[in-house]
């Protein structure tokens, strides 16, 4: 059957960030172990990548494992690490074949050395890709990100390369782990929860938020297209009035 051509929204976010929530609840509803929900969520990741690439999104950041997730049951954490390791090995070549660059952000020091090596290898395989950036946040926390940026700047001051008065919001932003990428325009959270859970705290200052009641494994092509269409319908004012935005659009 011929695939129906999808309409691309008139306004497309450059950077989409997603909190992939609801894997465990998806599995629980089906009387399955929690890791089954995470495995099912891999298909949703593929679907969302396809829609974003089709629409012309430049960067997709997925919150895979937060710095707080280490508090989960040990068997679940172990299963997640195994799933992450296998996904890196399996998907890296496919990403590169589709001209998708993989980046992993977060504090890697707590991961097993073998998993750290797999991260470096996957990033190296896709390093030449330039169509689309897929960014995976693993052992990431927004507070950690701001703190590590502040530490970098403090070392520059200590070394005499900067004065305290030189530190501006713009400079600090460049020291975040996403500092060379556009700020997120749209942040999606699945699973029905309405919070950002220590994700990209600085970067989300003016990001449009979109909440879906769907559990992550059920958030597929149509759900992602609906989120992009909702974004396209919004007026982003960045502190200005509607009248100012509309007047600027007419110039």
Protein backbone atom coordinates (compact mmCIF):
# COMPACT_ATOMS: atom_id res chain seq x y z
CA UNK A 1 0.00 0.00 0.00
CA UNK A 2 1.33 3.43 -0.92
CA UNK A 3 2.42 5.51 2.03
CA UNK A 4 0.38 8.67 2.53
CA UNK A 5 2.47 11.81 2.23
CA UNK A 6 2.35 13.77 5.46
CA UNK A 7 1.92 17.52 5.60
CA UNK A 8 4.87 19.26 7.22
CA UNK A 9 3.84 22.07 9.63
CA UNK A 10 4.51 25.60 8.43
CA UNK A 11 6.56 26.34 11.56
CA UNK A 12 8.97 23.60 12.63
CA UNK A 13 11.00 23.61 15.87
CA UNK A 14 14.74 23.48 15.30
CA UNK A 15 15.26 21.52 18.53
CA UNK A 16 12.79 19.12 20.15
CA UNK A 17 13.43 17.70 23.64
CA UNK A 18 11.43 14.75 25.01
CA UNK A 19 10.95 13.29 28.48
CA UNK A 20 10.07 9.69 27.65
CA UNK A 21 7.81 8.80 30.56
CA UNK A 22 5.42 5.91 31.17
CA UNK A 23 7.43 2.84 30.16
CA UNK A 24 6.93 1.09 33.51
CA UNK A 25 3.22 1.92 33.66
CA UNK A 26 2.77 0.68 30.09
CA UNK A 27 4.32 -2.65 31.09
CA UNK A 28 2.39 -2.86 34.38
CA UNK A 29 -0.94 -2.49 32.55
CA UNK A 30 0.05 -5.55 30.51
CA UNK A 31 1.29 -7.55 33.54
CA UNK A 32 4.81 -7.45 32.17
CA UNK A 33 8.13 -6.58 33.87
CA UNK A 34 9.14 -2.92 33.73
CA UNK A 35 12.04 -3.55 31.35
CA UNK A 36 9.52 -4.77 28.74
CA UNK A 37 8.16 -1.21 28.63
CA UNK A 38 11.64 0.18 28.03
CA UNK A 39 12.21 -2.32 25.22
CA UNK A 40 8.86 -1.37 23.66
CA UNK A 41 9.87 2.28 23.94
CA UNK A 42 12.68 1.74 21.42
CA UNK A 43 10.06 1.55 18.65
CA UNK A 44 8.68 4.92 19.76
CA UNK A 45 12.19 6.38 19.58
CA UNK A 46 12.49 5.20 15.97
CA UNK A 47 9.07 6.63 15.10
CA UNK A 48 9.83 10.02 16.62
CA UNK A 49 13.21 10.21 14.85
CA UNK A 50 11.49 9.47 11.53
CA UNK A 51 8.87 12.19 12.01
CA UNK A 52 11.38 14.79 13.20
CA UNK A 53 13.76 14.11 10.33
CA UNK A 54 10.85 14.19 7.85
CA UNK A 55 9.67 17.55 9.24
CA UNK A 56 13.10 19.20 9.16
CA UNK A 57 13.86 19.27 12.90
CA UNK A 58 17.61 19.73 13.39
CA UNK A 59 18.12 18.36 16.91
CA UNK A 60 16.22 15.78 18.98
CA UNK A 61 17.19 15.36 22.64
CA UNK A 62 15.79 12.34 24.51
CA UNK A 63 15.89 12.07 28.31
CA UNK A 64 16.89 8.40 28.62
CA UNK A 65 18.25 8.16 32.18
CA UNK A 66 18.31 10.88 34.79
CA UNK A 67 20.83 11.28 37.59
CA UNK A 68 17.96 10.40 39.96
CA UNK A 69 17.14 7.11 38.18
CA UNK A 70 19.97 5.34 40.00
CA UNK A 71 17.55 5.19 42.95
CA UNK A 72 15.34 2.71 41.09
CA UNK A 73 15.50 -1.04 41.95
CA UNK A 74 18.92 -2.49 41.17
CA UNK A 75 17.53 -5.11 38.79
CA UNK A 76 15.74 -2.43 36.75
CA UNK A 77 18.86 -0.25 36.55
CA UNK A 78 20.92 -3.27 35.47
CA UNK A 79 18.37 -4.16 32.78
CA UNK A 80 18.34 -0.55 31.54
CA UNK A 81 22.13 -0.47 31.28
CA UNK A 82 22.09 -3.73 29.30
CA UNK A 83 19.38 -2.37 26.99
CA UNK A 84 21.33 0.86 26.47
CA UNK A 85 24.52 -1.04 25.69
CA UNK A 86 22.83 -3.30 23.14
CA UNK A 87 20.96 -0.39 21.53
CA UNK A 88 24.20 1.56 21.06
CA UNK A 89 25.86 -1.40 19.37
CA UNK A 90 22.82 -2.17 17.23
CA UNK A 91 21.70 1.32 16.18
CA UNK A 92 24.94 3.25 15.56
CA UNK A 93 25.45 2.01 11.98
CA UNK A 94 21.76 2.53 11.16
CA UNK A 95 21.96 6.11 12.41
CA UNK A 96 25.06 6.77 10.35
CA UNK A 97 23.45 5.25 7.25
CA UNK A 98 20.63 7.79 7.70
CA UNK A 99 23.11 10.67 8.18
CA UNK A 100 22.14 11.07 11.86
CA UNK A 101 24.82 12.15 14.34
CA UNK A 102 24.61 10.66 17.84
CA UNK A 103 25.68 12.61 20.91
CA UNK A 104 25.41 11.46 24.52
CA UNK A 105 25.21 14.12 27.24
CA UNK A 106 25.52 13.68 30.98
CA UNK A 107 28.05 12.51 33.55
CA UNK A 108 29.47 9.29 32.13
CA UNK A 109 31.79 8.56 35.07
CA UNK A 110 29.26 6.36 36.88
CA UNK A 111 28.70 4.03 33.93
CA UNK A 112 30.62 0.76 33.54
CA UNK A 113 33.82 1.26 31.47
CA UNK A 114 32.48 -1.11 28.79
CA UNK A 115 29.35 1.02 28.40
CA UNK A 116 31.45 4.20 28.30
CA UNK A 117 33.52 2.64 25.50
CA UNK A 118 30.33 1.73 23.60
CA UNK A 119 29.18 5.36 23.90
CA UNK A 120 32.44 6.67 22.47
CA UNK A 121 32.36 4.11 19.66
CA UNK A 122 28.77 4.94 18.67
CA UNK A 123 29.55 8.67 18.65
CA UNK A 124 32.67 8.05 16.54
CA UNK A 125 30.73 5.95 13.99
CA UNK A 126 28.21 8.78 13.45
CA UNK A 127 30.62 11.70 13.78
CA UNK A 128 30.51 12.59 10.08
CA UNK A 129 26.71 12.68 9.84
CA UNK A 130 25.19 16.14 9.38
CA UNK A 131 21.49 15.76 8.52
CA UNK A 132 20.18 15.55 12.06
CA UNK A 133 21.52 15.39 15.64
CA UNK A 134 20.16 12.78 18.03
CA UNK A 135 21.17 13.67 21.57
CA UNK A 136 20.71 11.12 24.37
CA UNK A 137 20.71 12.46 27.94
CA UNK A 138 22.09 9.68 30.17
CA UNK A 139 22.94 10.19 33.84
CA UNK A 140 21.96 13.76 33.11
CA UNK A 141 20.44 16.35 35.43
CA UNK A 142 19.79 20.02 34.74
CA UNK A 143 21.26 21.07 38.08
CA UNK A 144 24.42 19.03 37.38
CA UNK A 145 24.68 20.70 33.96
CA UNK A 146 24.52 24.22 35.40
CA UNK A 147 26.96 23.30 38.17
CA UNK A 148 29.53 21.85 35.75
CA UNK A 149 29.26 25.00 33.61
CA UNK A 150 29.83 27.17 36.70
CA UNK A 151 32.85 25.04 37.64
CA UNK A 152 34.35 25.51 34.17
CA UNK A 153 33.98 29.27 34.45
CA UNK A 154 35.34 29.29 38.00
CA UNK A 155 38.48 27.52 36.78
CA UNK A 156 38.87 30.15 34.04
CA UNK A 157 38.61 32.92 36.67
CA UNK A 158 41.07 31.09 38.93
CA UNK A 159 43.54 30.80 36.04
CA UNK A 160 43.22 34.53 35.33
CA UNK A 161 41.60 34.07 31.91
CA UNK A 162 38.30 35.63 33.00
CA UNK A 163 37.09 38.25 35.44
CA UNK A 164 33.92 37.55 37.44
CA UNK A 165 32.25 40.48 35.65
CA UNK A 166 32.91 38.75 32.31
CA UNK A 167 30.49 35.96 33.20
CA UNK A 168 27.20 36.62 31.47
CA UNK A 169 24.17 34.39 30.87
CA UNK A 170 25.31 34.06 27.27
CA UNK A 171 28.79 32.88 28.31
CA UNK A 172 27.46 30.42 30.87
CA UNK A 173 25.10 29.00 28.26
CA UNK A 174 28.05 28.14 26.00
CA UNK A 175 29.49 26.04 28.84
CA UNK A 176 26.42 23.83 29.15
CA UNK A 177 26.70 20.40 27.53
CA UNK A 178 24.31 21.60 24.80
CA UNK A 179 26.14 24.92 24.39
CA UNK A 180 26.90 24.55 20.68
CA UNK A 181 23.32 23.67 19.73
CA UNK A 182 20.13 25.74 19.39
CA UNK A 183 18.00 25.94 22.52
CA UNK A 184 14.98 23.61 22.58
CA UNK A 185 11.89 25.13 20.97
CA UNK A 186 9.55 22.33 22.07
CA UNK A 187 9.69 20.00 25.06
CA UNK A 188 7.34 17.02 25.11
CA UNK A 189 6.55 14.88 28.13
CA UNK A 190 4.58 11.68 27.77
CA UNK A 191 2.86 9.63 30.48
CA UNK A 192 0.47 12.29 31.77
CA UNK A 193 2.83 13.97 34.26
CA UNK A 194 3.20 17.77 34.15
CA UNK A 195 6.74 18.52 35.31
CA UNK A 196 10.22 18.73 33.79
CA UNK A 197 12.03 16.56 36.35
CA UNK A 198 15.43 18.28 36.35
CA UNK A 199 15.73 18.12 32.54
CA UNK A 200 17.55 20.94 30.68
CA UNK A 201 16.62 23.45 33.39
CA UNK A 202 18.51 26.39 31.89
CA UNK A 203 17.74 25.52 28.29
CA UNK A 204 13.95 25.27 28.76
CA UNK A 205 13.50 28.88 29.94
CA UNK A 206 11.40 29.85 26.90
CA UNK A 207 10.62 26.42 25.48
CA UNK A 208 7.04 25.53 24.55
CA UNK A 209 5.82 22.65 26.74
CA UNK A 210 3.58 19.87 25.41
CA UNK A 211 2.16 17.14 27.64
CA UNK A 212 0.69 13.89 26.37
CA UNK A 213 -1.30 11.33 28.35
CA UNK A 214 0.10 8.55 26.15
CA UNK A 215 2.68 6.27 27.72
CA UNK A 216 5.99 6.50 25.84
CA UNK A 217 5.72 3.15 23.99
CA UNK A 218 2.41 4.37 22.50
CA UNK A 219 3.81 7.75 21.36
CA UNK A 220 4.37 6.97 17.70
CA UNK A 221 4.20 8.77 14.35
CA UNK A 222 0.75 10.36 14.62
CA UNK A 223 1.32 11.49 18.21
CA UNK A 224 4.57 13.19 17.23
CA UNK A 225 2.95 14.87 14.25
CA UNK A 226 0.18 16.14 16.52
CA UNK A 227 2.78 17.65 18.84
CA UNK A 228 4.50 19.42 15.94
CA UNK A 229 1.15 20.72 14.68
CA UNK A 230 0.32 22.05 18.14
CA UNK A 231 3.69 23.83 18.26
CA UNK A 232 3.05 25.40 14.84
CA UNK A 233 -0.24 26.84 16.14
CA UNK A 234 1.37 28.71 19.05
CA UNK A 235 2.62 32.28 19.13
CA UNK A 236 6.01 32.55 20.80
CA UNK A 237 6.39 35.97 22.40
CA UNK A 238 9.62 35.81 24.46
CA UNK A 239 8.35 38.54 26.80
CA UNK A 240 6.82 40.72 24.08
CA UNK A 241 3.12 41.37 23.49
CA UNK A 242 1.06 39.72 20.75
CA UNK A 243 0.79 43.09 19.03
CA UNK A 244 4.57 43.49 18.91
CA UNK A 245 5.02 40.03 17.43
CA UNK A 246 2.33 40.62 14.82
CA UNK A 247 3.75 44.04 13.90
CA UNK A 248 7.21 42.53 13.49
CA UNK A 249 5.81 39.81 11.23
CA UNK A 250 4.33 42.45 8.92
CA UNK A 251 7.63 44.32 8.47
